[in-house]
Amino acid sequence: MKRWIDINADLGEGTGLDEAIMPLISSCSIACGGHFGTEETMRTAVKLAKKYKVKIGAHPSFPDKDNFGRKVLTITKKELTQTVYHQILQFLAVCEMEDAEINHIKLHGALYNYAAKDAATADAVVEAISNLKFRPKLYVPHGSILHRKAENLLPLVYEAFIDRRYEDDGTLVHRGHLKALISDPEEAWEHLIRMIINNEVITLSGKSVSMIANTFCIHGDSPNSVKILEYINTQLESENIYLER
């Protein structure tokens, strides 16, 4: 029996790997000026996504190019709502120029992680997206505060990570930890197939915990991202699992 899944990647971030990654995924989240991105980089990534029939999403963040959006900024709720809204509007304008549709929104880096656990941050993000004239899907960690804040207002897609290890409480191991990232293709595949089939992950401590997800992410700047995706695509076919384009 065939099974269909979504694999997404964070792209348009200056890695030079977008063209290699696009054929291996089914949705992408494109940096829209907060941590990285200009009109030119956004247009290039959108064109590639259209070329490979990959679903397109906006990837807003804290306005912090110096730290690539991986540091929590101390800004007001109003400022955060405004910057997220403005980043998405910039991306919408690019998509309109390229005759492309936005499928989803996914937060980046520190904003993704902080909105998952901080109510005020989650509220600011939900307010920004709710101010749009349409209701895009929002990629969120299942069971997070952002999930609870948005579930009655926006269509949600639950996300887990192919290239990251997890703590016992279901949160990501901090990037500063030596074992935070999964860079071996075979290990990444075992991690992914366990999430697909069993809805679980093996944590850093060796414990099995529940992991509910409809989309599975690999970071475009992760070590071995292309090799991991190439290996996963080969293994998916052997398991009668296909990408949902």
Protein backbone atom coordinates (compact mmCIF):
# COMPACT_ATOMS: atom_id res chain seq x y z
CA MET A 1 0.00 0.00 0.00
CA LYS A 2 1.36 3.41 -0.99
CA ARG A 3 2.02 6.03 1.67
CA TRP A 4 2.53 9.74 0.98
CA ILE A 5 4.62 12.13 3.09
CA ASP A 6 5.89 15.69 2.93
CA ILE A 7 9.59 16.47 3.27
CA ASN A 8 10.43 20.14 3.60
CA ALA A 9 13.63 22.17 3.65
CA ASP A 10 14.54 25.70 4.70
CA LEU A 11 15.96 27.33 1.59
CA GLY A 12 16.85 30.68 0.04
CA GLU A 13 19.49 31.07 2.74
CA GLY A 14 22.62 31.48 0.63
CA THR A 15 23.97 27.93 0.92
CA GLY A 16 24.27 27.39 -2.82
CA LEU A 17 22.52 24.03 -2.44
CA ASP A 18 18.94 24.96 -3.35
CA GLU A 19 19.07 23.53 -6.87
CA ALA A 20 20.41 20.20 -5.58
CA ILE A 21 17.87 19.99 -2.76
CA MET A 22 14.68 21.03 -4.59
CA PRO A 23 14.19 17.79 -6.60
CA LEU A 24 14.46 15.78 -3.37
CA ILE A 25 11.72 17.51 -1.33
CA SER A 26 8.03 18.34 -1.64
CA SER A 27 7.78 21.67 0.20
CA CYS A 28 10.20 24.46 1.05
CA SER A 29 10.30 27.44 3.40
CA ILE A 30 12.10 30.42 1.89
CA ALA A 31 13.93 33.07 3.93
CA CYS A 32 12.11 36.37 3.55
CA GLY A 33 14.45 39.02 4.90
CA GLY A 34 14.55 38.54 8.66
CA HIS A 35 17.61 36.31 9.06
CA PHE A 36 18.54 36.22 5.38
CA GLY A 37 17.08 37.19 2.04
CA THR A 38 16.55 39.89 -0.54
CA GLU A 39 14.03 40.21 -3.33
CA GLU A 40 16.58 38.57 -5.63
CA THR A 41 17.23 35.54 -3.39
CA MET A 42 13.51 35.09 -2.79
CA ARG A 43 12.72 35.23 -6.51
CA THR A 44 15.48 32.75 -7.33
CA ALA A 45 14.21 30.26 -4.74
CA VAL A 46 10.58 30.67 -5.80
CA LYS A 47 11.51 30.05 -9.43
CA LEU A 48 13.36 26.87 -8.46
CA ALA A 49 10.41 25.66 -6.40
CA LYS A 50 8.07 26.18 -9.34
CA LYS A 51 10.51 24.39 -11.64
CA TYR A 52 10.52 21.28 -9.43
CA LYS A 53 6.83 21.51 -8.41
CA VAL A 54 7.71 22.06 -4.75
CA LYS A 55 5.16 23.73 -2.45
CA ILE A 56 6.25 27.21 -1.36
CA GLY A 57 6.26 28.73 2.11
CA ALA A 58 7.46 31.92 3.81
CA HIS A 59 10.16 31.56 6.47
CA PRO A 60 10.05 34.64 8.75
CA SER A 61 12.31 35.10 11.75
CA PHE A 62 13.51 37.56 14.31
CA PRO A 63 14.99 40.52 12.38
CA ASP A 64 18.58 39.45 13.02
CA LYS A 65 20.83 38.83 10.03
CA ASP A 66 23.95 39.13 12.22
CA ASN A 67 23.05 35.92 14.08
CA PHE A 68 21.15 34.23 11.22
CA GLY A 69 17.98 34.43 13.31
CA ARG A 70 19.32 31.94 15.84
CA LYS A 71 19.26 34.28 18.84
CA VAL A 72 16.16 35.34 20.77
CA LEU A 73 15.75 39.11 20.47
CA THR A 74 14.24 41.26 23.21
CA ILE A 75 11.59 43.16 21.27
CA THR A 76 8.01 44.08 22.08
CA LYS A 77 5.06 41.97 21.06
CA LYS A 78 3.95 44.77 18.71
CA GLU A 79 7.39 44.95 17.08
CA LEU A 80 7.44 41.18 16.59
CA THR A 81 3.97 41.15 15.05
CA GLN A 82 4.98 43.96 12.70
CA THR A 83 8.24 42.37 11.56
CA VAL A 84 6.69 38.94 10.93
CA TYR A 85 3.80 40.53 9.04
CA HIS A 86 6.16 42.71 6.98
CA GLN A 87 8.44 39.79 6.10
CA ILE A 88 5.48 37.75 4.89
CA LEU A 89 4.15 40.69 2.85
CA GLN A 90 7.56 41.06 1.18
CA PHE A 91 7.47 37.40 0.28
CA LEU A 92 3.89 37.61 -0.95
CA ALA A 93 4.91 40.42 -3.32
CA VAL A 94 7.68 38.25 -4.75
CA CYS A 95 5.30 35.31 -5.19
CA GLU A 96 2.83 37.54 -7.01
CA MET A 97 5.59 38.66 -9.39
CA GLU A 98 6.45 35.02 -10.07
CA ASP A 99 2.81 33.87 -10.27
CA ALA A 100 3.37 31.48 -7.37
CA GLU A 101 1.06 30.45 -4.53
CA ILE A 102 2.03 30.35 -0.87
CA ASN A 103 1.23 27.01 0.73
CA HIS A 104 2.44 27.67 4.26
CA ILE A 105 4.37 29.70 6.78
CA LYS A 106 7.11 28.29 8.97
CA LEU A 107 9.06 30.25 11.55
CA HIS A 108 12.84 30.17 11.56
CA GLY A 109 15.43 29.37 14.18
CA ALA A 110 15.10 31.09 17.54
CA LEU A 111 11.63 32.40 16.70
CA TYR A 112 10.42 28.87 15.85
CA ASN A 113 11.72 27.48 19.14
CA TYR A 114 10.68 30.41 21.34
CA ALA A 115 7.15 30.65 19.92
CA ALA A 116 6.79 26.96 20.73
CA LYS A 117 7.19 27.65 24.45
CA ASP A 118 6.40 31.34 25.07
CA ALA A 119 2.77 32.47 24.98
CA ALA A 120 3.39 36.14 24.19
CA THR A 121 5.66 35.26 21.28
CA ALA A 122 3.15 32.75 19.94
CA ASP A 123 0.38 35.35 20.24
CA ALA A 124 2.45 37.89 18.28
CA VAL A 125 3.07 35.40 15.48
CA VAL A 126 -0.56 34.29 15.27
CA GLU A 127 -1.69 37.92 15.19
CA ALA A 128 0.69 38.70 12.32
CA ILE A 129 -0.54 35.77 10.24
CA SER A 130 -4.19 36.43 11.09
CA ASN A 131 -3.81 39.95 9.67
CA LEU A 132 -3.20 38.49 6.20
CA LYS A 133 -6.02 38.38 3.67
CA PHE A 134 -5.76 34.60 3.39
CA ARG A 135 -5.17 31.68 5.75
CA PRO A 136 -1.97 29.83 4.92
CA LYS A 137 -1.01 26.61 6.66
CA LEU A 138 1.31 27.04 9.63
CA TYR A 139 4.04 24.47 10.30
CA VAL A 140 4.31 23.93 14.08
CA PRO A 141 5.66 21.39 16.58
CA HIS A 142 2.79 19.22 17.79
CA GLY A 143 1.77 19.97 21.36
CA SER A 144 3.64 23.28 21.49
CA ILE A 145 2.23 26.56 22.80
CA LEU A 146 2.15 27.85 19.22
CA HIS A 147 0.06 24.80 18.28
CA ARG A 148 -2.44 25.58 21.03
CA LYS A 149 -2.59 29.31 20.25
CA ALA A 150 -3.14 28.79 16.52
CA GLU A 151 -5.25 25.64 16.32
CA ASN A 152 -8.63 27.37 16.15
CA LEU A 153 -7.45 30.16 13.86
CA LEU A 154 -5.17 28.62 11.23
CA PRO A 155 -4.79 25.28 9.42
CA LEU A 156 -1.88 23.51 11.08
CA VAL A 157 0.71 21.05 9.83
CA TYR A 158 2.74 19.29 12.51
CA GLU A 159 6.47 19.23 11.90
CA ALA A 160 9.42 17.13 13.05
CA PHE A 161 13.08 17.20 12.05
CA ILE A 162 15.07 14.66 10.08
CA ASP A 163 18.46 16.15 10.91
CA ARG A 164 18.01 16.98 14.61
CA ARG A 165 18.04 14.96 17.80
CA TYR A 166 15.40 15.35 20.50
CA GLU A 167 15.32 15.67 24.28
CA ASP A 168 13.08 13.50 26.47
CA ASP A 169 10.45 16.28 26.62
CA GLY A 170 10.10 16.27 22.82
CA THR A 171 12.03 19.49 22.25
CA LEU A 172 15.08 19.78 20.02
CA VAL A 173 18.54 19.28 21.47
CA HIS A 174 20.18 22.72 21.56
CA ARG A 175 22.32 23.44 18.51
CA GLY A 176 25.30 24.08 20.77
CA HIS A 177 25.35 20.40 21.81
CA LEU A 178 27.89 18.23 19.97
CA LYS A 179 25.20 15.67 19.17
CA ALA A 180 22.41 18.08 18.21
CA LEU A 181 22.69 17.41 14.48
CA ILE A 182 22.25 14.16 12.57
CA SER A 183 24.62 14.15 9.61
CA ASP A 184 24.88 10.45 8.77
CA PRO A 185 22.42 9.49 5.98
CA GLU A 186 21.64 6.03 7.39
CA GLU A 187 20.99 7.39 10.87
CA ALA A 188 18.80 10.16 9.43
CA TRP A 189 16.79 7.54 7.53
CA GLU A 190 16.30 5.38 10.63
CA HIS A 191 15.19 8.48 12.53
CA LEU A 192 12.71 9.43 9.79
CA ILE A 193 11.20 6.00 9.18
CA ARG A 194 10.63 5.56 12.92
CA MET A 195 8.68 8.83 12.92
CA ILE A 196 6.68 7.83 9.83
CA ILE A 197 5.81 4.28 10.91
CA ASN A 198 5.79 4.44 14.72
CA ASN A 199 5.15 8.15 15.43
CA GLU A 200 8.12 8.18 17.78
CA VAL A 201 11.76 9.23 18.14
CA ILE A 202 14.63 7.85 20.16
CA THR A 203 15.89 10.75 22.25
CA LEU A 204 19.46 11.71 23.05
CA SER A 205 19.20 9.71 26.29
CA GLY A 206 17.89 6.63 24.45
CA LYS A 207 14.25 6.99 25.49
CA SER A 208 11.36 6.43 23.06
CA VAL A 209 8.93 9.38 22.98
CA SER A 210 5.88 10.20 20.87
CA MET A 211 6.41 12.40 17.82
CA ILE A 212 3.35 13.33 15.76
CA ALA A 213 4.20 14.94 12.43
CA ASN A 214 2.77 15.46 8.95
CA THR A 215 5.88 17.10 7.49
CA PHE A 216 9.54 16.32 8.05
CA CYS A 217 12.24 18.98 7.76
CA ILE A 218 15.89 19.03 6.84
CA HIS A 219 17.82 22.28 7.11
CA GLY A 220 19.38 23.45 3.87
CA ASP A 221 22.58 24.36 5.71
CA SER A 222 22.90 21.05 7.55
CA PRO A 223 26.05 18.99 7.02
CA ASN A 224 25.43 16.37 4.31
CA SER A 225 21.91 17.69 3.60
CA VAL A 226 22.03 16.65 -0.06
CA LYS A 227 23.51 13.22 0.66
CA ILE A 228 20.94 12.64 3.40
CA LEU A 229 18.07 13.53 1.07
CA GLU A 230 19.43 11.43 -1.78
CA TYR A 231 19.71 8.41 0.52
CA ILE A 232 16.26 8.99 2.01
CA ASN A 233 14.63 9.27 -1.42
CA THR A 234 16.13 5.92 -2.41
CA GLN A 235 14.93 4.28 0.79
CA LEU A 236 11.44 5.77 0.56
CA GLU A 237 10.87 4.13 -2.80
CA SER A 238 11.88 0.74 -1.42
CA GLU A 239 9.29 1.19 1.37
CA ASN A 240 6.56 2.24 -1.11
CA ILE A 241 6.53 5.76 0.36
CA TYR A 242 6.30 8.78 -1.93
CA LEU A 243 6.67 12.53 -1.71
CA GLU A 244 3.43 14.50 -1.68
CA ARG A 245 3.82 17.07 -4.45
